[in-house]
Amino acid sequence: MTLFNRSSRSQTSQRTASRTASHSVKSTKDEIDGQSITAYQLGKSDRVWQNGYGTTSDGNDTNRQNKPTRKLTKNAKQLIIYFSRSGSTELLASKIAKASHADLLEIVVKAPYSGNYRKTLSRANSEREAENYPELDMQMPDLSQYQTVYLGYPIWAMTLSHPMTEFLTTYGSRLTGKQIAPFMTEGGYGQGDSVDRIKSILKNQGARDNQYTKSLVVDGNKVEQADSRVTSWVKQIVERQ
């Protein structure tokens, strides 16, 4: 989902988006770390979805009733680290996990973003202007066993979402020597400068000798249609490992 600032929008359009969101809750058959995934925007047309504007979530990052995803094994060589607010990125992460058999780690913030899109938009704009990113609430594992790290995030204002920015700023040095595979959900405007931001932050944090794969970019309302793209993308990454 892309968060971006819209200076004006008719009240009629806002009411329509709100009604549509309230009646479009969609669960998938997909699971992540044994927990079901809910993504409210799946199946919405581009016209109805409006690039994510008005799409609700549960008000507590991805799924209110779910524990933060943390699936770590002793032998995996690949790790998926992701942040998801509305469910789309989490669904994409689950598909990548199935195709790659990678471990999973969800980025969690202490003060969750609102399920109300406009409230999250307002907060995100304020954080970006002040460069005051959210405090994380998670424990980092030892990353030494992993050769490839998939980094997943929604696109906000044509760049990284703030929790991923904070994660890389805090823990970026631990990604030295890893193959980095970025994947993202967005609202129809592409990956923006997000990958350049990842490279810049990791360099500034002292990470060295990283290789970067081609990015996987999927519209937030069409993640359930991305299976073949995920399979092809993961295959290319595994072959490079």
Protein backbone atom coordinates (compact mmCIF):
# COMPACT_ATOMS: atom_id res chain seq x y z
CA MET A 1 0.00 0.00 0.00
CA THR A 2 1.32 3.47 -0.87
CA LEU A 3 0.83 6.26 1.64
CA PHE A 4 0.84 9.63 -0.03
CA ASN A 5 -0.55 13.06 0.69
CA ARG A 6 -3.75 14.10 -1.04
CA SER A 7 -4.62 17.73 -0.48
CA SER A 8 -8.29 17.40 -1.39
CA ARG A 9 -10.96 14.75 -1.82
CA SER A 10 -14.73 15.08 -1.92
CA GLN A 11 -16.76 13.97 1.11
CA THR A 12 -18.79 11.73 -1.18
CA SER A 13 -15.67 9.89 -2.31
CA GLN A 14 -14.51 9.48 1.30
CA ARG A 15 -17.87 8.04 2.37
CA THR A 16 -17.85 5.65 -0.58
CA ALA A 17 -14.34 4.44 0.27
CA SER A 18 -15.30 4.00 3.90
CA ARG A 19 -18.42 1.97 3.10
CA THR A 20 -16.50 -0.16 0.62
CA ALA A 21 -13.71 -0.87 3.11
CA SER A 22 -16.13 -1.80 5.89
CA HIS A 23 -17.76 -4.46 3.74
CA SER A 24 -14.64 -5.85 2.06
CA VAL A 25 -12.85 -7.73 4.82
CA LYS A 26 -11.22 -10.71 3.15
CA SER A 27 -9.47 -13.61 4.76
CA THR A 28 -7.20 -15.81 2.70
CA LYS A 29 -6.45 -19.49 2.96
CA ASP A 30 -2.81 -18.55 3.43
CA GLU A 31 -1.14 -18.77 6.81
CA ILE A 32 2.07 -17.39 8.23
CA ASP A 33 3.75 -19.12 11.15
CA GLY A 34 0.54 -21.11 11.67
CA GLN A 35 -1.72 -18.05 11.80
CA SER A 36 -4.32 -17.01 9.24
CA ILE A 37 -3.88 -13.81 7.26
CA THR A 38 -6.50 -11.10 6.75
CA ALA A 39 -5.99 -8.47 4.05
CA TYR A 40 -8.86 -6.04 3.59
CA GLN A 41 -8.00 -4.84 0.12
CA LEU A 42 -7.75 -8.15 -1.71
CA GLY A 43 -10.09 -8.49 -4.65
CA LYS A 44 -10.89 -4.78 -4.86
CA SER A 45 -10.69 -3.25 -8.29
CA ASP A 46 -8.19 -0.43 -8.84
CA ARG A 47 -11.09 2.01 -9.04
CA VAL A 48 -12.52 0.93 -5.70
CA TRP A 49 -9.19 0.47 -3.98
CA GLN A 50 -8.01 3.95 -4.98
CA ASN A 51 -4.33 3.12 -4.37
CA GLY A 52 -5.07 2.15 -0.78
CA TYR A 53 -6.92 5.28 0.26
CA GLY A 54 -9.56 4.40 2.87
CA THR A 55 -8.51 0.75 3.19
CA THR A 56 -8.88 -0.36 6.79
CA SER A 57 -6.82 -2.80 8.78
CA ASP A 58 -7.21 -4.01 12.34
CA GLY A 59 -5.49 -1.08 14.01
CA ASN A 60 -2.58 -3.17 15.28
CA ASP A 61 -0.19 -3.55 12.34
CA THR A 62 -1.45 -6.60 10.47
CA ASN A 63 -3.65 -8.93 12.48
CA ARG A 64 -4.76 -7.87 15.96
CA GLN A 65 -5.27 -11.39 17.30
CA ASN A 66 -2.03 -12.79 15.91
CA LYS A 67 1.28 -12.93 17.70
CA PRO A 68 4.17 -11.29 15.84
CA THR A 69 5.58 -13.72 13.31
CA ARG A 70 8.84 -15.27 14.47
CA LYS A 71 9.77 -18.59 12.86
CA LEU A 72 13.47 -19.33 13.29
CA THR A 73 15.14 -22.66 12.62
CA LYS A 74 18.69 -23.94 12.99
CA ASN A 75 19.37 -24.87 9.37
CA ALA A 76 17.66 -22.29 7.14
CA LYS A 77 19.96 -20.23 4.94
CA GLN A 78 17.30 -17.66 4.04
CA LEU A 79 15.39 -15.23 6.28
CA ILE A 80 12.35 -13.08 5.46
CA ILE A 81 12.18 -9.86 7.49
CA TYR A 82 9.03 -7.85 6.84
CA PHE A 83 6.69 -5.12 8.06
CA SER A 84 3.00 -5.12 7.14
CA ARG A 85 0.25 -2.73 8.20
CA SER A 86 -2.81 -3.83 6.26
CA GLY A 87 -2.00 -7.47 5.47
CA SER A 88 -0.82 -7.33 1.87
CA THR A 89 2.90 -7.45 2.61
CA GLU A 90 2.37 -10.22 5.16
CA LEU A 91 0.48 -12.25 2.56
CA LEU A 92 3.31 -11.72 0.09
CA ALA A 93 5.83 -12.76 2.75
CA SER A 94 3.87 -15.97 3.35
CA LYS A 95 4.00 -16.84 -0.35
CA ILE A 96 7.74 -16.22 -0.47
CA ALA A 97 8.20 -18.39 2.62
CA LYS A 98 6.35 -21.28 0.98
CA ALA A 99 8.42 -21.00 -2.18
CA SER A 100 11.79 -20.57 -0.43
CA HIS A 101 11.36 -22.44 2.90
CA ALA A 102 12.91 -19.37 4.52
CA ASP A 103 12.65 -18.43 8.18
CA LEU A 104 10.41 -15.49 9.12
CA LEU A 105 10.74 -12.41 11.32
CA GLU A 106 8.11 -9.67 11.55
CA ILE A 107 9.08 -6.07 12.31
CA VAL A 108 6.91 -4.80 15.17
CA VAL A 109 6.63 -1.24 16.46
CA LYS A 110 5.79 -0.24 20.03
CA ALA A 111 3.04 2.15 18.96
CA PRO A 112 1.06 0.39 16.18
CA TYR A 113 -0.25 2.37 13.25
CA SER A 114 -3.96 3.03 13.08
CA GLY A 115 -6.27 0.84 11.03
CA ASN A 116 -7.73 4.09 9.72
CA TYR A 117 -5.83 5.02 6.58
CA ARG A 118 -6.16 8.78 7.05
CA LYS A 119 -4.86 8.61 10.63
CA THR A 120 -1.90 6.51 9.51
CA LEU A 121 -1.28 8.91 6.63
CA SER A 122 -1.23 11.87 9.02
CA ARG A 123 1.17 10.12 11.38
CA ALA A 124 3.44 8.95 8.56
CA ASN A 125 3.64 12.45 7.09
CA SER A 126 4.56 13.88 10.50
CA GLU A 127 7.20 11.20 11.09
CA ARG A 128 8.72 11.75 7.68
CA GLU A 129 8.91 15.52 8.04
CA ALA A 130 10.53 15.25 11.46
CA GLU A 131 12.61 12.17 10.53
CA ASN A 132 11.27 10.70 13.77
CA TYR A 133 10.67 7.04 13.02
CA PRO A 134 8.77 4.58 15.24
CA GLU A 135 10.43 2.72 18.09
CA LEU A 136 10.69 -1.00 17.48
CA ASP A 137 9.42 -3.71 19.81
CA MET A 138 11.26 -6.88 18.83
CA GLN A 139 14.26 -9.02 19.61
CA MET A 140 16.81 -9.62 16.89
CA PRO A 141 18.17 -13.14 16.40
CA ASP A 142 21.70 -14.05 15.41
CA LEU A 143 21.84 -13.66 11.62
CA SER A 144 25.14 -15.43 11.02
CA GLN A 145 23.56 -18.58 9.54
CA TYR A 146 21.68 -16.72 6.79
CA GLN A 147 23.07 -16.13 3.32
CA THR A 148 20.01 -14.36 1.88
CA VAL A 149 17.75 -11.85 3.64
CA TYR A 150 14.44 -10.92 2.03
CA LEU A 151 13.30 -7.44 3.09
CA GLY A 152 9.55 -6.85 2.74
CA TYR A 153 7.62 -3.62 3.20
CA PRO A 154 4.78 -1.49 1.85
CA ILE A 155 5.74 1.59 -0.17
CA TRP A 156 4.91 4.82 1.65
CA ALA A 157 5.21 8.13 -0.22
CA MET A 158 7.32 6.48 -2.93
CA THR A 159 9.91 5.17 -0.48
CA LEU A 160 10.45 2.74 2.41
CA SER A 161 7.79 2.51 5.07
CA HIS A 162 9.05 3.98 8.32
CA PRO A 163 9.30 0.76 10.37
CA MET A 164 11.63 -0.73 7.75
CA THR A 165 13.67 2.47 7.75
CA GLU A 166 14.02 2.25 11.52
CA PHE A 167 14.85 -1.45 11.37
CA LEU A 168 17.68 -0.92 8.88
CA THR A 169 18.99 2.09 10.80
CA THR A 170 19.05 0.05 14.01
CA TYR A 171 20.22 -3.33 12.75
CA GLY A 172 21.68 -2.68 9.31
CA SER A 173 25.24 -3.48 10.31
CA ARG A 174 24.18 -7.07 10.99
CA LEU A 175 23.36 -7.56 7.31
CA THR A 176 26.99 -7.40 6.20
CA GLY A 177 27.78 -9.95 3.52
CA LYS A 178 24.15 -10.94 2.94
CA GLN A 179 22.37 -11.21 -0.38
CA ILE A 180 19.51 -8.71 -0.07
CA ALA A 181 16.22 -9.49 -1.83
CA PRO A 182 13.72 -6.59 -1.57
CA PHE A 183 9.98 -7.22 -2.02
CA MET A 184 7.18 -4.76 -1.59
CA THR A 185 3.50 -3.98 -2.01
CA GLU A 186 2.49 -0.66 -3.50
CA GLY A 187 -0.46 1.35 -4.73
CA GLY A 188 0.31 1.50 -8.43
CA TYR A 189 3.30 3.85 -8.43
CA GLY A 190 6.15 1.36 -8.27
CA GLN A 191 9.05 0.91 -5.87
CA GLY A 192 10.07 4.57 -5.79
CA ASP A 193 13.52 5.09 -4.30
CA SER A 194 13.04 2.35 -1.70
CA VAL A 195 15.85 0.09 -2.89
CA ASP A 196 18.26 3.01 -3.15
CA ARG A 197 17.28 3.89 0.41
CA ILE A 198 18.06 0.36 1.58
CA LYS A 199 21.49 0.50 -0.05
CA SER A 200 22.20 3.94 1.41
CA ILE A 201 21.13 3.05 4.95
CA LEU A 202 23.07 -0.22 4.98
CA LYS A 203 26.19 1.56 3.75
CA ASN A 204 25.79 4.27 6.39
CA GLN A 205 25.39 1.61 9.08
CA GLY A 206 28.61 -0.09 8.07
CA ALA A 207 27.22 -3.09 6.18
CA ARG A 208 29.59 -4.25 3.48
CA ASP A 209 29.82 -6.81 0.68
CA ASN A 210 26.10 -6.99 0.02
CA GLN A 211 24.64 -8.24 -3.23
CA TYR A 212 21.17 -7.15 -4.32
CA THR A 213 18.65 -9.15 -6.30
CA LYS A 214 15.97 -7.83 -8.58
CA SER A 215 13.00 -6.51 -6.57
CA LEU A 216 9.56 -8.07 -6.44
CA VAL A 217 6.89 -5.35 -6.69
CA VAL A 218 3.19 -6.26 -6.35
CA ASP A 219 0.04 -4.11 -6.21
CA GLY A 220 -1.39 -4.31 -2.70
CA ASN A 221 -4.85 -5.36 -3.90
CA LYS A 222 -3.50 -8.14 -6.15
CA VAL A 223 -1.16 -10.13 -3.93
CA GLU A 224 -3.35 -13.23 -4.09
CA GLN A 225 -2.67 -13.31 -7.84
CA ALA A 226 1.13 -13.24 -7.49
CA ASP A 227 1.95 -16.93 -6.95
CA SER A 228 3.64 -17.56 -10.30
CA ARG A 229 5.66 -14.34 -10.04
CA VAL A 230 6.78 -15.27 -6.53
CA THR A 231 7.85 -18.76 -7.61
CA SER A 232 9.89 -17.44 -10.55
CA TRP A 233 11.49 -14.67 -8.45
CA VAL A 234 12.46 -16.98 -5.59
CA LYS A 235 13.92 -19.54 -8.02
CA GLN A 236 16.24 -16.91 -9.47
CA ILE A 237 17.37 -15.86 -5.98
CA VAL A 238 18.05 -19.40 -4.80
CA GLU A 239 20.09 -20.09 -7.93
CA ARG A 240 22.27 -17.07 -7.16
CA GLN A 241 22.86 -18.09 -3.56
